[in-house]
Amino acid sequence: MQSVYLRLYVTEKQRHGNTPLHEWLLEEARRLGAPGGSAFRAIAGFGRHGRLHEETFFELAGELPLQVEFVLDAALADRLLDELRARKISLPYVRYAVEAGVL
């Protein structure tokens, strides 16, 4: 079975309805049958707009980048991305083939 690594980039302040987007992504992936997923908060980062966000006293709340990542079979990754497109959720992401297993 072909596995893929799927990482989505969001910020702390992004929401889907009343739910933080990173939480919604994890719940949606679980609903679709994902075996697991994680969200990581960055201490600094910049995106397509070139604005640097850092964890400092002066940083505006909610602007820090988050990474939400999954290792999934390719079909499930397609379903998750299709669900995001259907809900018109636009996010940068990376996806590539990986070998995954349990020892």
C-alpha atoms as a PDB file:
ATOM      1  CA  MET A   1       0.000   0.000   0.000  1.00  0.00           C
ATOM      2  CA  GLN A   2       1.326   3.427  -0.965  1.00  0.00           C
ATOM      3  CA  SER A   3       1.650   5.780   2.014  1.00  0.00           C
ATOM      4  CA  VAL A   4       1.928   9.545   1.782  1.00  0.00           C
ATOM      5  CA  TYR A   5       3.045  12.218   4.186  1.00  0.00           C
ATOM      6  CA  LEU A   6       0.601  15.134   4.165  1.00  0.00           C
ATOM      7  CA  ARG A   7       1.448  18.390   5.947  1.00  0.00           C
ATOM      8  CA  LEU A   8      -0.948  21.343   6.011  1.00  0.00           C
ATOM      9  CA  TYR A   9       0.043  24.854   7.094  1.00  0.00           C
ATOM     10  CA  VAL A  10      -2.324  27.006   9.152  1.00  0.00           C
ATOM     11  CA  THR A  11      -2.072  29.773  11.736  1.00  0.00           C
ATOM     12  CA  GLU A  12      -3.321  29.742  15.304  1.00  0.00           C
ATOM     13  CA  LYS A  13      -6.116  32.187  14.506  1.00  0.00           C
ATOM     14  CA  GLN A  14      -7.620  30.311  11.531  1.00  0.00           C
ATOM     15  CA  ARG A  15     -10.979  28.746  12.261  1.00  0.00           C
ATOM     16  CA  HIS A  16     -13.549  26.552  10.586  1.00  0.00           C
ATOM     17  CA  GLY A  17     -16.837  27.724  12.035  1.00  0.00           C
ATOM     18  CA  ASN A  18     -16.249  28.055  15.782  1.00  0.00           C
ATOM     19  CA  THR A  19     -13.419  25.504  15.884  1.00  0.00           C
ATOM     20  CA  PRO A  20      -9.712  26.242  15.490  1.00  0.00           C
ATOM     21  CA  LEU A  21      -8.781  24.980  12.033  1.00  0.00           C
ATOM     22  CA  HIS A  22      -5.992  22.710  13.250  1.00  0.00           C
ATOM     23  CA  GLU A  23      -8.442  20.956  15.598  1.00  0.00           C
ATOM     24  CA  TRP A  24     -11.036  20.650  12.836  1.00  0.00           C
ATOM     25  CA  LEU A  25      -8.424  19.125  10.493  1.00  0.00           C
ATOM     26  CA  LEU A  26      -7.462  16.511  13.075  1.00  0.00           C
ATOM     27  CA  GLU A  27     -11.112  15.662  13.776  1.00  0.00           C
ATOM     28  CA  GLU A  28     -11.991  15.502  10.081  1.00  0.00           C
ATOM     29  CA  ALA A  29      -9.069  13.180   9.361  1.00  0.00           C
ATOM     30  CA  ARG A  30     -10.106  10.960  12.271  1.00  0.00           C
ATOM     31  CA  ARG A  31     -13.692  10.901  10.974  1.00  0.00           C
ATOM     32  CA  LEU A  32     -12.388   9.788   7.573  1.00  0.00           C
ATOM     33  CA  GLY A  33     -10.421   6.951   9.181  1.00  0.00           C
ATOM     34  CA  ALA A  34      -6.898   8.336   9.503  1.00  0.00           C
ATOM     35  CA  PRO A  35      -4.719   6.239  11.819  1.00  0.00           C
ATOM     36  CA  GLY A  36      -3.286   9.359  13.458  1.00  0.00           C
ATOM     37  CA  GLY A  37      -2.299  12.973  13.050  1.00  0.00           C
ATOM     38  CA  SER A  38      -0.410  15.708  14.869  1.00  0.00           C
ATOM     39  CA  ALA A  39      -0.344  19.484  15.107  1.00  0.00           C
ATOM     40  CA  PHE A  40       2.855  21.377  15.870  1.00  0.00           C
ATOM     41  CA  ARG A  41       3.253  25.027  16.769  1.00  0.00           C
ATOM     42  CA  ALA A  42       6.237  26.828  15.281  1.00  0.00           C
ATOM     43  CA  ILE A  43       8.337  29.341  17.173  1.00  0.00           C
ATOM     44  CA  ALA A  44       8.806  31.374  13.990  1.00  0.00           C
ATOM     45  CA  GLY A  45       7.947  31.280  10.314  1.00  0.00           C
ATOM     46  CA  PHE A  46       6.889  33.142   7.213  1.00  0.00           C
ATOM     47  CA  GLY A  47       4.627  32.206   4.362  1.00  0.00           C
ATOM     48  CA  ARG A  48       3.666  33.297   0.872  1.00  0.00           C
ATOM     49  CA  HIS A  49       3.176  36.905   1.959  1.00  0.00           C
ATOM     50  CA  GLY A  50       6.720  37.136   3.350  1.00  0.00           C
ATOM     51  CA  ARG A  51       5.693  38.438   6.775  1.00  0.00           C
ATOM     52  CA  LEU A  52       7.792  36.939   9.588  1.00  0.00           C
ATOM     53  CA  HIS A  53       5.841  35.675  12.602  1.00  0.00           C
ATOM     54  CA  GLU A  54       7.841  35.032  15.756  1.00  0.00           C
ATOM     55  CA  GLU A  55       7.064  34.043  19.310  1.00  0.00           C
ATOM     56  CA  THR A  56       7.944  37.290  21.076  1.00  0.00           C
ATOM     57  CA  PHE A  57       6.338  39.554  23.601  1.00  0.00           C
ATOM     58  CA  PHE A  58       5.174  41.824  20.775  1.00  0.00           C
ATOM     59  CA  GLU A  59       3.733  39.116  18.535  1.00  0.00           C
ATOM     60  CA  LEU A  60       0.025  39.454  17.908  1.00  0.00           C
ATOM     61  CA  ALA A  61      -1.926  36.571  19.411  1.00  0.00           C
ATOM     62  CA  GLY A  62      -2.897  33.885  16.946  1.00  0.00           C
ATOM     63  CA  GLU A  63      -0.387  34.682  14.213  1.00  0.00           C
ATOM     64  CA  LEU A  64       2.072  31.850  14.814  1.00  0.00           C
ATOM     65  CA  PRO A  65       2.199  29.123  12.186  1.00  0.00           C
ATOM     66  CA  LEU A  66       1.035  25.578  12.865  1.00  0.00           C
ATOM     67  CA  GLN A  67       1.770  22.392  10.962  1.00  0.00           C
ATOM     68  CA  VAL A  68      -0.848  19.664  10.872  1.00  0.00           C
ATOM     69  CA  GLU A  69       0.530  16.413   9.552  1.00  0.00           C
ATOM     70  CA  PHE A  70      -0.555  12.902   8.730  1.00  0.00           C
ATOM     71  CA  VAL A  71       0.886   9.686   7.308  1.00  0.00           C
ATOM     72  CA  LEU A  72      -1.966   8.139   5.322  1.00  0.00           C
ATOM     73  CA  ASP A  73      -2.625   5.809   2.472  1.00  0.00           C
ATOM     74  CA  ALA A  74      -2.824   7.756  -0.786  1.00  0.00           C
ATOM     75  CA  ALA A  75      -6.584   7.269  -1.209  1.00  0.00           C
ATOM     76  CA  LEU A  76      -7.318   8.676   2.251  1.00  0.00           C
ATOM     77  CA  ALA A  77      -5.056  11.669   1.617  1.00  0.00           C
ATOM     78  CA  ASP A  78      -7.029  12.299  -1.590  1.00  0.00           C
ATOM     79  CA  ARG A  79     -10.315  12.121   0.345  1.00  0.00           C
ATOM     80  CA  LEU A  80      -9.080  14.601   2.962  1.00  0.00           C
ATOM     81  CA  LEU A  81      -7.870  17.061   0.312  1.00  0.00           C
ATOM     82  CA  ASP A  82     -11.145  16.643  -1.617  1.00  0.00           C
ATOM     83  CA  GLU A  83     -13.070  17.431   1.585  1.00  0.00           C
ATOM     84  CA  LEU A  84     -11.050  20.628   2.040  1.00  0.00           C
ATOM     85  CA  ARG A  85     -11.700  21.650  -1.571  1.00  0.00           C
ATOM     86  CA  ALA A  86     -15.422  20.922  -1.224  1.00  0.00           C
ATOM     87  CA  ARG A  87     -15.585  23.172   1.848  1.00  0.00           C
ATOM     88  CA  LYS A  88     -13.535  25.836   0.016  1.00  0.00           C
ATOM     89  CA  ILE A  89     -10.768  25.712   2.633  1.00  0.00           C
ATOM     90  CA  SER A  90      -7.627  27.024   0.971  1.00  0.00           C
ATOM     91  CA  LEU A  91      -4.388  25.950   2.667  1.00  0.00           C
ATOM     92  CA  PRO A  92      -0.806  25.439   1.591  1.00  0.00           C
ATOM     93  CA  TYR A  93       0.256  21.804   1.872  1.00  0.00           C
ATOM     94  CA  VAL A  94       2.999  19.355   0.952  1.00  0.00           C
ATOM     95  CA  ARG A  95       2.494  15.729   0.069  1.00  0.00           C
ATOM     96  CA  TYR A  96       5.038  13.089  -0.811  1.00  0.00           C
ATOM     97  CA  ALA A  97       5.414   9.317  -0.869  1.00  0.00           C
ATOM     98  CA  VAL A  98       6.896   7.689   2.232  1.00  0.00           C
ATOM     99  CA  GLU A  99       7.578   4.267   3.584  1.00  0.00           C
ATOM    100  CA  ALA A 100       5.702   3.772   6.840  1.00  0.00           C
ATOM    101  CA  GLY A 101       5.340   0.862   9.171  1.00  0.00           C
ATOM    102  CA  VAL A 102       5.544  -0.446  12.712  1.00  0.00           C
ATOM    103  CA  LEU A 103       8.475  -2.472  14.048  1.00  0.00           C
END
